[in-house]
Amino acid sequence: MMGENIDAERADIYELFSQFFLGPPDEETVGVIRQDFSLDSKDAADEISRDFDELFSYPHGRLVPLESLFSPTKGIGQPDVADIYAGAGLVVDDMYDVAPDHISLEFLFMSYLIERGRTAMEQKFLEQHLVNWVPYYCDKIMKQAQTGYYREIAEIIKDFLLAEYDAYRP
């Protein structure tokens, strides 16, 4: 039973992480995130929104969150993420106006795998995709973000993914 609760929490965390990169948060969301993650950031919602646009918006952001732009092994024997999604029975539809290798969809995919108990696939995707580029990407966010909010979020995501990865290693 306890494993199920931990897995449900992990799935929820991945789903929450996906929201950070789909659009800037409103003031209420900023408050909830600050409280839930004990953030020190005091940035106003409009500053956070501006930072989101400058960092993550497609195509003008400095750090558009796509694996194909930040993976050090991009294209080296890795199946396309859309093919991986299809292999798990998922089709990326028009509901998300982002590329299949967008960090938000990759986080949602992890949530999906966890919820369905697809542990082997989850472990493989974490190792071959997320850990392969997201920690590096988070380092870039921490250096380039104008707001403490996104620097703290990037640090939380990086630490979480590395802890997830460490949990799988023997």
C-alpha atoms as a PDB file:
ATOM      1  CA  MET A   1       0.000   0.000   0.000  1.00  0.00           C
ATOM      2  CA  MET A   2       2.712   2.449   0.910  1.00  0.00           C
ATOM      3  CA  GLY A   3       4.375   2.027  -2.509  1.00  0.00           C
ATOM      4  CA  GLU A   4       1.096   3.017  -4.148  1.00  0.00           C
ATOM      5  CA  ASN A   5       0.960   6.249  -2.138  1.00  0.00           C
ATOM      6  CA  ILE A   6       4.556   7.090  -3.023  1.00  0.00           C
ATOM      7  CA  ASP A   7       3.881   6.353  -6.685  1.00  0.00           C
ATOM      8  CA  ALA A   8       0.748   8.523  -6.631  1.00  0.00           C
ATOM      9  CA  GLU A   9       2.780  11.371  -5.128  1.00  0.00           C
ATOM     10  CA  ARG A  10       5.547  10.915  -7.700  1.00  0.00           C
ATOM     11  CA  ALA A  11       3.009  10.944 -10.545  1.00  0.00           C
ATOM     12  CA  ASP A  12       1.487  14.133  -9.128  1.00  0.00           C
ATOM     13  CA  ILE A  13       4.914  15.776  -8.874  1.00  0.00           C
ATOM     14  CA  TYR A  14       5.723  15.009 -12.514  1.00  0.00           C
ATOM     15  CA  GLU A  15       2.338  16.369 -13.539  1.00  0.00           C
ATOM     16  CA  LEU A  16       2.942  19.538 -11.535  1.00  0.00           C
ATOM     17  CA  PHE A  17       6.421  19.952 -13.032  1.00  0.00           C
ATOM     18  CA  SER A  18       4.893  19.781 -16.513  1.00  0.00           C
ATOM     19  CA  GLN A  19       2.786  22.858 -15.732  1.00  0.00           C
ATOM     20  CA  PHE A  20       5.851  25.013 -15.032  1.00  0.00           C
ATOM     21  CA  PHE A  21       6.775  24.972 -18.717  1.00  0.00           C
ATOM     22  CA  LEU A  22       3.376  25.258 -20.424  1.00  0.00           C
ATOM     23  CA  GLY A  23       2.680  28.848 -19.436  1.00  0.00           C
ATOM     24  CA  PRO A  24       3.434  31.441 -16.800  1.00  0.00           C
ATOM     25  CA  PRO A  25       1.657  30.967 -13.470  1.00  0.00           C
ATOM     26  CA  ASP A  26      -1.017  33.354 -12.252  1.00  0.00           C
ATOM     27  CA  GLU A  27      -0.656  35.088  -8.905  1.00  0.00           C
ATOM     28  CA  GLU A  28      -2.643  32.446  -7.011  1.00  0.00           C
ATOM     29  CA  THR A  29      -0.530  29.622  -8.444  1.00  0.00           C
ATOM     30  CA  VAL A  30       2.675  31.472  -7.529  1.00  0.00           C
ATOM     31  CA  GLY A  31       1.437  31.681  -3.933  1.00  0.00           C
ATOM     32  CA  VAL A  32       0.545  27.992  -3.783  1.00  0.00           C
ATOM     33  CA  ILE A  33       3.887  26.940  -5.305  1.00  0.00           C
ATOM     34  CA  ARG A  34       5.799  29.212  -2.920  1.00  0.00           C
ATOM     35  CA  GLN A  35       4.021  27.642   0.030  1.00  0.00           C
ATOM     36  CA  ASP A  36       4.123  24.017  -1.168  1.00  0.00           C
ATOM     37  CA  PHE A  37       7.831  24.132  -2.029  1.00  0.00           C
ATOM     38  CA  SER A  38       8.907  26.631   0.658  1.00  0.00           C
ATOM     39  CA  LEU A  39      10.366  28.979  -1.954  1.00  0.00           C
ATOM     40  CA  ASP A  40      12.302  32.036  -0.849  1.00  0.00           C
ATOM     41  CA  SER A  41      11.400  33.899  -4.047  1.00  0.00           C
ATOM     42  CA  LYS A  42       9.501  37.149  -3.580  1.00  0.00           C
ATOM     43  CA  ASP A  43       9.155  37.907  -7.296  1.00  0.00           C
ATOM     44  CA  ALA A  44       5.840  39.394  -8.422  1.00  0.00           C
ATOM     45  CA  ALA A  45       3.655  37.367 -10.785  1.00  0.00           C
ATOM     46  CA  ASP A  46       4.254  39.846 -13.639  1.00  0.00           C
ATOM     47  CA  GLU A  47       8.052  39.486 -13.214  1.00  0.00           C
ATOM     48  CA  ILE A  48       7.681  35.697 -13.271  1.00  0.00           C
ATOM     49  CA  SER A  49       5.504  35.931 -16.374  1.00  0.00           C
ATOM     50  CA  ARG A  50       8.097  38.104 -18.138  1.00  0.00           C
ATOM     51  CA  ASP A  51      10.832  35.675 -17.158  1.00  0.00           C
ATOM     52  CA  PHE A  52       8.748  32.766 -18.499  1.00  0.00           C
ATOM     53  CA  ASP A  53       8.374  34.519 -21.868  1.00  0.00           C
ATOM     54  CA  GLU A  54      12.065  35.383 -22.098  1.00  0.00           C
ATOM     55  CA  LEU A  55      13.173  31.886 -21.131  1.00  0.00           C
ATOM     56  CA  PHE A  56      10.657  29.330 -22.335  1.00  0.00           C
ATOM     57  CA  SER A  57       8.296  30.758 -24.963  1.00  0.00           C
ATOM     58  CA  TYR A  58       8.508  29.287 -28.423  1.00  0.00           C
ATOM     59  CA  PRO A  59      10.254  30.276 -30.650  1.00  0.00           C
ATOM     60  CA  HIS A  60      11.802  33.378 -29.067  1.00  0.00           C
ATOM     61  CA  GLY A  61      12.742  32.137 -25.610  1.00  0.00           C
ATOM     62  CA  ARG A  62      16.413  31.701 -24.782  1.00  0.00           C
ATOM     63  CA  LEU A  63      15.799  28.244 -23.284  1.00  0.00           C
ATOM     64  CA  VAL A  64      12.885  26.689 -25.178  1.00  0.00           C
ATOM     65  CA  PRO A  65      12.396  23.427 -23.198  1.00  0.00           C
ATOM     66  CA  LEU A  66      12.938  20.842 -25.924  1.00  0.00           C
ATOM     67  CA  GLU A  67      15.055  17.741 -25.510  1.00  0.00           C
ATOM     68  CA  SER A  68      16.197  18.047 -29.124  1.00  0.00           C
ATOM     69  CA  LEU A  69      17.838  21.388 -28.290  1.00  0.00           C
ATOM     70  CA  PHE A  70      19.558  20.394 -25.034  1.00  0.00           C
ATOM     71  CA  SER A  71      20.324  16.669 -25.062  1.00  0.00           C
ATOM     72  CA  PRO A  72      24.047  15.988 -25.358  1.00  0.00           C
ATOM     73  CA  THR A  73      23.266  12.694 -27.146  1.00  0.00           C
ATOM     74  CA  LYS A  74      20.465  13.945 -29.383  1.00  0.00           C
ATOM     75  CA  GLY A  75      19.918  11.685 -32.337  1.00  0.00           C
ATOM     76  CA  ILE A  76      22.428   9.059 -31.148  1.00  0.00           C
ATOM     77  CA  GLY A  77      20.474   5.825 -31.321  1.00  0.00           C
ATOM     78  CA  GLN A  78      17.526   7.235 -29.398  1.00  0.00           C
ATOM     79  CA  PRO A  79      14.043   6.509 -30.651  1.00  0.00           C
ATOM     80  CA  ASP A  80      11.958   9.583 -31.192  1.00  0.00           C
ATOM     81  CA  VAL A  81       9.899  10.378 -28.105  1.00  0.00           C
ATOM     82  CA  ALA A  82       6.694  10.355 -30.151  1.00  0.00           C
ATOM     83  CA  ASP A  83       7.482   6.738 -31.057  1.00  0.00           C
ATOM     84  CA  ILE A  84       8.094   5.942 -27.381  1.00  0.00           C
ATOM     85  CA  TYR A  85       4.727   7.508 -26.469  1.00  0.00           C
ATOM     86  CA  ALA A  86       3.038   5.465 -29.200  1.00  0.00           C
ATOM     87  CA  GLY A  87       4.740   2.308 -27.911  1.00  0.00           C
ATOM     88  CA  ALA A  88       3.106   2.984 -24.551  1.00  0.00           C
ATOM     89  CA  GLY A  89      -0.285   3.415 -26.230  1.00  0.00           C
ATOM     90  CA  LEU A  90      -0.341   7.217 -26.231  1.00  0.00           C
ATOM     91  CA  VAL A  91      -0.839   9.629 -29.079  1.00  0.00           C
ATOM     92  CA  VAL A  92       0.128  13.262 -28.643  1.00  0.00           C
ATOM     93  CA  ASP A  93      -2.874  15.175 -29.888  1.00  0.00           C
ATOM     94  CA  ASP A  94      -3.567  18.821 -30.563  1.00  0.00           C
ATOM     95  CA  MET A  95      -4.512  19.424 -26.932  1.00  0.00           C
ATOM     96  CA  TYR A  96      -0.879  20.344 -26.324  1.00  0.00           C
ATOM     97  CA  ASP A  97       0.517  22.927 -28.693  1.00  0.00           C
ATOM     98  CA  VAL A  98       4.099  21.808 -28.114  1.00  0.00           C
ATOM     99  CA  ALA A  99       6.581  19.396 -29.723  1.00  0.00           C
ATOM    100  CA  PRO A 100       6.619  15.790 -28.474  1.00  0.00           C
ATOM    101  CA  ASP A 101      10.055  16.329 -26.908  1.00  0.00           C
ATOM    102  CA  HIS A 102       8.844  19.348 -24.905  1.00  0.00           C
ATOM    103  CA  ILE A 103       9.720  18.952 -21.234  1.00  0.00           C
ATOM    104  CA  SER A 104       6.049  19.249 -20.242  1.00  0.00           C
ATOM    105  CA  LEU A 105       5.009  16.260 -22.340  1.00  0.00           C
ATOM    106  CA  GLU A 106       7.976  14.240 -21.125  1.00  0.00           C
ATOM    107  CA  PHE A 107       6.986  14.950 -17.512  1.00  0.00           C
ATOM    108  CA  LEU A 108       3.341  14.065 -18.265  1.00  0.00           C
ATOM    109  CA  PHE A 109       4.514  10.833 -19.872  1.00  0.00           C
ATOM    110  CA  MET A 110       6.429   9.926 -16.703  1.00  0.00           C
ATOM    111  CA  SER A 111       3.297  10.606 -14.665  1.00  0.00           C
ATOM    112  CA  TYR A 112       1.326   8.350 -17.018  1.00  0.00           C
ATOM    113  CA  LEU A 113       3.883   5.534 -16.720  1.00  0.00           C
ATOM    114  CA  ILE A 114       3.961   5.750 -12.933  1.00  0.00           C
ATOM    115  CA  GLU A 115       0.161   5.726 -12.681  1.00  0.00           C
ATOM    116  CA  ARG A 116       0.009   2.585 -14.808  1.00  0.00           C
ATOM    117  CA  GLY A 117       2.828   0.762 -13.021  1.00  0.00           C
ATOM    118  CA  ARG A 118       5.015   0.642 -16.139  1.00  0.00           C
ATOM    119  CA  THR A 119       8.167   0.646 -14.013  1.00  0.00           C
ATOM    120  CA  ALA A 120      10.616  -0.744 -16.589  1.00  0.00           C
ATOM    121  CA  MET A 121       9.500   1.758 -19.221  1.00  0.00           C
ATOM    122  CA  GLU A 122       9.519   4.554 -16.642  1.00  0.00           C
ATOM    123  CA  GLN A 123      13.069   3.692 -15.573  1.00  0.00           C
ATOM    124  CA  LYS A 124      14.274   3.524 -19.178  1.00  0.00           C
ATOM    125  CA  PHE A 125      12.658   6.843 -20.116  1.00  0.00           C
ATOM    126  CA  LEU A 126      14.079   8.541 -17.023  1.00  0.00           C
ATOM    127  CA  GLU A 127      17.561   7.234 -17.793  1.00  0.00           C
ATOM    128  CA  GLN A 128      17.611   7.675 -21.569  1.00  0.00           C
ATOM    129  CA  HIS A 129      15.728  10.937 -21.775  1.00  0.00           C
ATOM    130  CA  LEU A 130      14.998  13.034 -18.697  1.00  0.00           C
ATOM    131  CA  VAL A 131      18.253  12.535 -16.788  1.00  0.00           C
ATOM    132  CA  ASN A 132      20.125  12.842 -20.052  1.00  0.00           C
ATOM    133  CA  TRP A 133      19.191  16.492 -20.552  1.00  0.00           C
ATOM    134  CA  VAL A 134      16.975  18.020 -17.835  1.00  0.00           C
ATOM    135  CA  PRO A 135      19.653  18.462 -15.118  1.00  0.00           C
ATOM    136  CA  TYR A 136      21.872  20.292 -17.637  1.00  0.00           C
ATOM    137  CA  TYR A 137      18.855  22.309 -18.775  1.00  0.00           C
ATOM    138  CA  CYS A 138      18.020  23.209 -15.161  1.00  0.00           C
ATOM    139  CA  ASP A 139      21.596  24.439 -14.677  1.00  0.00           C
ATOM    140  CA  LYS A 140      21.070  26.759 -17.645  1.00  0.00           C
ATOM    141  CA  ILE A 141      17.803  28.045 -16.130  1.00  0.00           C
ATOM    142  CA  MET A 142      19.530  28.690 -12.800  1.00  0.00           C
ATOM    143  CA  LYS A 143      22.160  30.784 -14.608  1.00  0.00           C
ATOM    144  CA  GLN A 144      19.836  32.689 -16.945  1.00  0.00           C
ATOM    145  CA  ALA A 145      16.569  33.179 -15.037  1.00  0.00           C
ATOM    146  CA  GLN A 146      15.910  36.733 -13.910  1.00  0.00           C
ATOM    147  CA  THR A 147      13.639  35.592 -11.084  1.00  0.00           C
ATOM    148  CA  GLY A 148      14.450  33.595  -7.987  1.00  0.00           C
ATOM    149  CA  TYR A 149      11.188  31.731  -8.650  1.00  0.00           C
ATOM    150  CA  TYR A 150      12.496  29.966 -11.758  1.00  0.00           C
ATOM    151  CA  ARG A 151      15.982  29.478 -10.288  1.00  0.00           C
ATOM    152  CA  GLU A 152      14.417  27.702  -7.302  1.00  0.00           C
ATOM    153  CA  ILE A 153      12.010  25.680  -9.469  1.00  0.00           C
ATOM    154  CA  ALA A 154      14.918  24.553 -11.673  1.00  0.00           C
ATOM    155  CA  GLU A 155      16.916  23.469  -8.630  1.00  0.00           C
ATOM    156  CA  ILE A 156      13.938  21.512  -7.230  1.00  0.00           C
ATOM    157  CA  ILE A 157      13.341  19.744 -10.558  1.00  0.00           C
ATOM    158  CA  LYS A 158      17.020  18.880 -10.967  1.00  0.00           C
ATOM    159  CA  ASP A 159      17.313  17.536  -7.417  1.00  0.00           C
ATOM    160  CA  PHE A 160      14.106  15.517  -7.797  1.00  0.00           C
ATOM    161  CA  LEU A 161      15.180  13.903 -11.081  1.00  0.00           C
ATOM    162  CA  LEU A 162      18.622  13.019  -9.775  1.00  0.00           C
ATOM    163  CA  ALA A 163      17.049  11.485  -6.652  1.00  0.00           C
ATOM    164  CA  GLU A 164      14.682   9.495  -8.873  1.00  0.00           C
ATOM    165  CA  TYR A 165      17.604   8.274 -10.933  1.00  0.00           C
ATOM    166  CA  ASP A 166      19.622   7.359  -7.828  1.00  0.00           C
ATOM    167  CA  ALA A 167      16.651   5.369  -6.499  1.00  0.00           C
ATOM    168  CA  TYR A 168      16.781   3.108  -9.570  1.00  0.00           C
ATOM    169  CA  ARG A 169      20.528   2.496  -9.566  1.00  0.00           C
ATOM    170  CA  PRO A 170      21.718  -0.627  -7.723  1.00  0.00           C
END
